[in-house]
N, C-alpha and C. Protein backbone atom coordinates (compact mmCIF):
# COMPACT_ATOMS: atom_id res chain seq x y z
N MET A 1 -15.77 -17.03 56.72
CA MET A 1 -15.49 -15.74 56.52
C MET A 1 -15.95 -15.67 55.07
N SER A 2 -16.93 -14.80 54.52
CA SER A 2 -17.10 -14.76 53.38
C SER A 2 -16.20 -13.84 52.49
N THR A 3 -15.92 -14.08 51.14
CA THR A 3 -15.10 -13.05 50.44
C THR A 3 -16.16 -12.21 49.56
N GLN A 4 -17.24 -12.33 49.41
CA GLN A 4 -18.11 -11.43 48.75
C GLN A 4 -18.38 -10.06 49.47
N HIS A 5 -18.35 -9.33 48.44
CA HIS A 5 -18.51 -7.88 49.00
C HIS A 5 -20.06 -7.58 48.80
N LYS A 6 -20.45 -6.66 49.80
CA LYS A 6 -21.70 -6.09 49.62
C LYS A 6 -21.73 -4.92 48.87
N VAL A 7 -22.81 -4.96 47.91
CA VAL A 7 -22.86 -3.57 47.03
C VAL A 7 -24.19 -2.76 47.31
N GLY A 8 -24.03 -1.61 47.46
CA GLY A 8 -25.26 -0.87 47.76
C GLY A 8 -26.18 -0.64 46.59
N LYS A 9 -27.50 -0.40 46.85
CA LYS A 9 -28.45 -0.26 46.11
C LYS A 9 -28.22 0.97 45.04
N ASP A 10 -27.28 1.93 45.43
CA ASP A 10 -27.01 3.12 44.69
C ASP A 10 -26.10 2.52 43.40
N VAL A 11 -24.98 1.80 43.85
CA VAL A 11 -24.21 1.22 42.94
C VAL A 11 -24.80 0.69 41.86
N LEU A 12 -25.78 -0.29 42.28
CA LEU A 12 -26.37 -1.11 40.99
C LEU A 12 -27.34 -0.43 40.01
N SER A 13 -28.00 0.75 40.72
CA SER A 13 -28.73 1.55 39.75
C SER A 13 -28.03 2.62 39.11
N PHE A 14 -26.70 2.90 39.37
CA PHE A 14 -25.90 3.70 38.65
C PHE A 14 -26.22 3.75 37.12
N GLN A 15 -26.43 5.18 36.72
CA GLN A 15 -26.70 5.28 35.14
C GLN A 15 -25.74 6.36 34.86
N PRO A 16 -25.01 6.20 33.75
CA PRO A 16 -24.07 7.15 33.33
C PRO A 16 -24.62 8.79 32.97
N SER A 17 -24.03 9.42 33.01
CA SER A 17 -24.20 10.93 32.92
C SER A 17 -24.78 11.19 31.43
N GLU A 18 -25.79 11.85 31.11
CA GLU A 18 -26.24 12.26 29.76
C GLU A 18 -25.30 12.96 29.19
N SER A 19 -24.13 13.88 29.69
CA SER A 19 -23.35 14.63 29.24
C SER A 19 -21.85 14.04 29.52
N PRO A 20 -21.44 12.97 28.80
CA PRO A 20 -20.37 12.54 29.11
C PRO A 20 -19.04 13.67 29.45
N VAL A 21 -17.98 13.27 30.14
CA VAL A 21 -16.92 13.89 29.90
C VAL A 21 -16.24 14.10 28.73
N LYS A 22 -15.72 15.50 28.59
CA LYS A 22 -15.00 15.68 27.27
C LYS A 22 -13.60 15.94 27.68
N PHE A 23 -12.96 14.71 26.93
CA PHE A 23 -11.31 14.67 27.28
C PHE A 23 -10.73 15.47 26.25
N GLY A 24 -9.48 15.99 26.56
CA GLY A 24 -8.41 16.98 25.82
C GLY A 24 -9.12 18.42 25.98
N LYS A 25 -9.96 18.82 26.81
CA LYS A 25 -10.17 20.42 26.84
C LYS A 25 -9.51 21.25 28.10
N GLY A 26 -8.27 20.72 28.45
CA GLY A 26 -7.78 21.20 29.77
C GLY A 26 -7.03 22.59 29.51
N LYS A 27 -6.43 23.20 30.49
CA LYS A 27 -5.91 24.66 30.35
C LYS A 27 -4.57 24.67 29.43
N PHE A 28 -3.72 23.49 29.20
CA PHE A 28 -2.61 23.26 28.77
C PHE A 28 -2.96 22.50 27.43
N THR A 29 -3.86 22.11 27.05
CA THR A 29 -4.02 21.34 25.80
C THR A 29 -3.45 21.99 24.64
N HIS A 30 -3.82 23.21 24.26
CA HIS A 30 -3.17 23.98 23.16
C HIS A 30 -1.65 23.82 23.12
N LYS A 31 -1.05 24.24 24.27
CA LYS A 31 0.34 24.15 24.48
C LYS A 31 0.91 22.83 24.24
N ILE A 32 0.42 21.78 24.87
CA ILE A 32 0.89 20.39 24.67
C ILE A 32 0.90 20.16 23.24
N LEU A 33 -0.35 20.49 22.56
CA LEU A 33 -0.46 19.76 21.05
C LEU A 33 0.57 20.45 20.14
N GLU A 34 0.69 21.92 20.49
CA GLU A 34 1.72 22.57 19.66
C GLU A 34 3.08 22.17 19.90
N ILE A 35 3.61 21.75 21.14
CA ILE A 35 4.85 21.11 21.32
C ILE A 35 5.06 19.82 20.78
N LEU A 36 3.82 18.99 21.08
CA LEU A 36 4.06 17.65 19.97
C LEU A 36 4.27 17.99 18.68
N LYS A 37 3.51 18.95 18.02
CA LYS A 37 3.55 19.09 16.61
C LYS A 37 4.90 19.40 16.00
N GLU A 38 5.60 20.38 16.82
CA GLU A 38 6.84 20.77 16.39
C GLU A 38 8.02 19.84 16.86
N ALA A 39 7.85 18.97 17.68
CA ALA A 39 8.90 17.98 18.23
C ALA A 39 9.30 17.19 17.10
N GLU A 40 10.62 17.02 17.03
CA GLU A 40 11.26 15.98 16.10
C GLU A 40 11.17 14.54 16.21
N ARG A 41 10.94 14.11 17.59
CA ARG A 41 10.96 12.76 18.20
C ARG A 41 9.81 12.84 19.28
N PRO A 42 9.27 11.59 19.49
CA PRO A 42 8.41 11.55 20.79
C PRO A 42 9.18 12.02 21.99
N LEU A 43 8.27 12.63 22.90
CA LEU A 43 8.46 13.25 24.06
C LEU A 43 7.86 12.48 25.29
N ASN A 44 8.56 12.57 26.50
CA ASN A 44 8.02 11.86 27.79
C ASN A 44 7.65 13.16 28.52
N VAL A 45 6.81 12.76 29.44
CA VAL A 45 6.05 13.76 30.32
C VAL A 45 6.76 14.76 31.04
N HIS A 46 8.04 14.58 31.47
CA HIS A 46 8.86 15.62 31.92
C HIS A 46 9.26 16.89 30.85
N GLU A 47 9.65 16.34 29.62
CA GLU A 47 9.93 17.17 28.66
C GLU A 47 8.81 17.96 28.22
N ILE A 48 7.72 17.40 28.04
CA ILE A 48 6.59 18.09 27.73
C ILE A 48 6.25 19.26 28.74
N CYS A 49 6.33 18.83 30.10
CA CYS A 49 5.99 19.71 31.09
C CYS A 49 6.95 20.90 31.27
N VAL A 50 8.33 20.78 30.86
CA VAL A 50 9.08 21.94 30.77
C VAL A 50 9.05 22.72 29.74
N LEU A 51 8.73 22.21 28.45
CA LEU A 51 8.42 23.07 27.29
C LEU A 51 7.24 23.73 27.47
N ALA A 52 6.25 23.17 27.92
CA ALA A 52 4.80 23.72 28.08
C ALA A 52 4.83 24.70 29.48
N ASP A 53 5.81 24.76 30.15
CA ASP A 53 5.67 25.62 31.36
C ASP A 53 4.79 25.18 32.27
N ILE A 54 4.71 23.85 32.43
CA ILE A 54 3.61 23.43 33.61
C ILE A 54 4.56 22.97 34.70
N HIS A 55 4.19 23.61 35.82
CA HIS A 55 5.13 23.50 37.13
C HIS A 55 4.56 22.15 37.97
N SER A 56 3.47 21.52 37.58
CA SER A 56 3.15 20.36 38.29
C SER A 56 3.27 19.08 37.44
N TRP A 57 4.26 17.85 37.64
CA TRP A 57 4.27 16.96 36.83
C TRP A 57 2.96 16.24 36.84
N VAL A 58 2.17 16.23 38.03
CA VAL A 58 0.93 15.28 37.92
C VAL A 58 -0.22 16.26 36.87
N THR A 59 -0.14 17.26 37.01
CA THR A 59 -1.02 18.18 36.03
C THR A 59 -0.67 17.79 34.65
N GLY A 60 0.63 17.92 34.17
CA GLY A 60 1.05 17.54 32.82
C GLY A 60 0.68 16.22 32.65
N LYS A 61 0.65 15.24 33.55
CA LYS A 61 0.43 13.83 33.07
C LYS A 61 -0.93 13.79 32.72
N SER A 62 -1.91 14.35 33.76
CA SER A 62 -3.20 14.34 33.60
C SER A 62 -3.62 14.93 32.34
N GLU A 63 -3.20 16.14 31.87
CA GLU A 63 -3.58 16.74 30.70
C GLU A 63 -2.95 15.84 29.31
N ILE A 64 -1.87 15.21 29.49
CA ILE A 64 -1.42 14.71 28.36
C ILE A 64 -2.34 13.04 28.28
N MET A 65 -2.76 12.58 29.58
CA MET A 65 -3.52 11.30 29.45
C MET A 65 -4.83 11.66 28.77
N ASP A 66 -5.30 12.88 29.10
CA ASP A 66 -6.58 13.28 28.39
C ASP A 66 -6.48 13.29 27.01
N LEU A 67 -5.47 13.87 26.50
CA LEU A 67 -5.28 14.09 25.30
C LEU A 67 -5.13 12.45 24.50
N VAL A 68 -4.61 11.51 25.30
CA VAL A 68 -4.60 10.22 24.81
C VAL A 68 -5.86 9.75 24.53
N VAL A 69 -6.80 9.73 25.75
CA VAL A 69 -8.12 9.24 25.82
C VAL A 69 -8.81 9.72 24.69
N SER A 70 -8.73 10.97 24.52
CA SER A 70 -9.46 11.49 23.27
C SER A 70 -9.03 11.31 21.84
N GLY A 71 -7.95 10.56 21.92
CA GLY A 71 -7.56 10.13 20.37
C GLY A 71 -6.60 11.03 19.60
N ARG A 72 -6.16 11.97 20.14
CA ARG A 72 -5.57 12.99 19.43
C ARG A 72 -4.04 12.94 19.64
N VAL A 73 -3.40 12.02 20.55
CA VAL A 73 -2.06 11.90 21.02
C VAL A 73 -1.61 10.14 21.16
N GLU A 74 -0.89 9.81 20.69
CA GLU A 74 -0.35 8.26 20.77
C GLU A 74 0.69 8.31 22.13
N VAL A 75 0.36 6.92 22.56
CA VAL A 75 1.55 6.72 23.95
C VAL A 75 2.01 5.14 23.34
N PHE A 76 3.38 5.37 23.73
CA PHE A 76 3.90 3.98 23.60
C PHE A 76 5.19 4.06 24.90
N LYS A 77 5.41 2.77 25.18
CA LYS A 77 6.40 2.54 26.19
C LYS A 77 7.66 2.25 25.75
N SER A 78 8.89 2.90 26.15
CA SER A 78 10.29 2.64 25.72
C SER A 78 10.99 2.61 27.05
N GLY A 79 11.36 1.27 27.54
CA GLY A 79 11.94 1.18 28.55
C GLY A 79 11.11 1.52 29.63
N ARG A 80 11.58 2.47 30.59
CA ARG A 80 10.64 2.80 31.66
C ARG A 80 10.00 3.96 31.59
N HIS A 81 9.82 4.51 30.45
CA HIS A 81 9.36 5.87 30.06
C HIS A 81 8.14 5.62 29.07
N PHE A 82 7.12 6.51 29.44
CA PHE A 82 6.12 6.50 28.14
C PHE A 82 6.18 7.84 27.55
N LEU A 83 6.22 7.67 26.18
CA LEU A 83 6.51 8.41 25.14
C LEU A 83 5.32 8.88 24.37
N PHE A 84 5.31 10.10 24.03
CA PHE A 84 4.05 10.67 23.43
C PHE A 84 4.32 11.33 22.11
N ARG A 85 3.30 11.11 20.97
CA ARG A 85 3.35 12.00 19.96
C ARG A 85 2.02 12.09 19.08
N LEU A 86 2.09 13.15 18.35
CA LEU A 86 0.68 13.33 17.72
C LEU A 86 0.21 12.19 17.02
N LYS A 87 -0.91 11.82 16.94
CA LYS A 87 -1.40 10.93 16.20
C LYS A 87 -1.40 11.26 14.69
N LYS A 88 -1.07 10.31 14.12
CA LYS A 88 -0.74 10.58 12.40
C LYS A 88 -1.88 9.97 11.60
């Protein structure tokens, strides 16, 4: 049995989009940035969601990670939690 996977022609000819996705442009971006700006310490996802009135943890995490990818927010791990703060 072969362990190689067959790849379709469409995958091999993939070209990136001419207009790349712009991260950090979500609905809650401004609120999250304001909360992190005013915070005295780094915050975790749950704390940010509560303060920004984001009812879905998944939405909050997604918005925060978009800000991390865009370079506006720093993330680091402390124990089991990811903590976020504005990039200095």
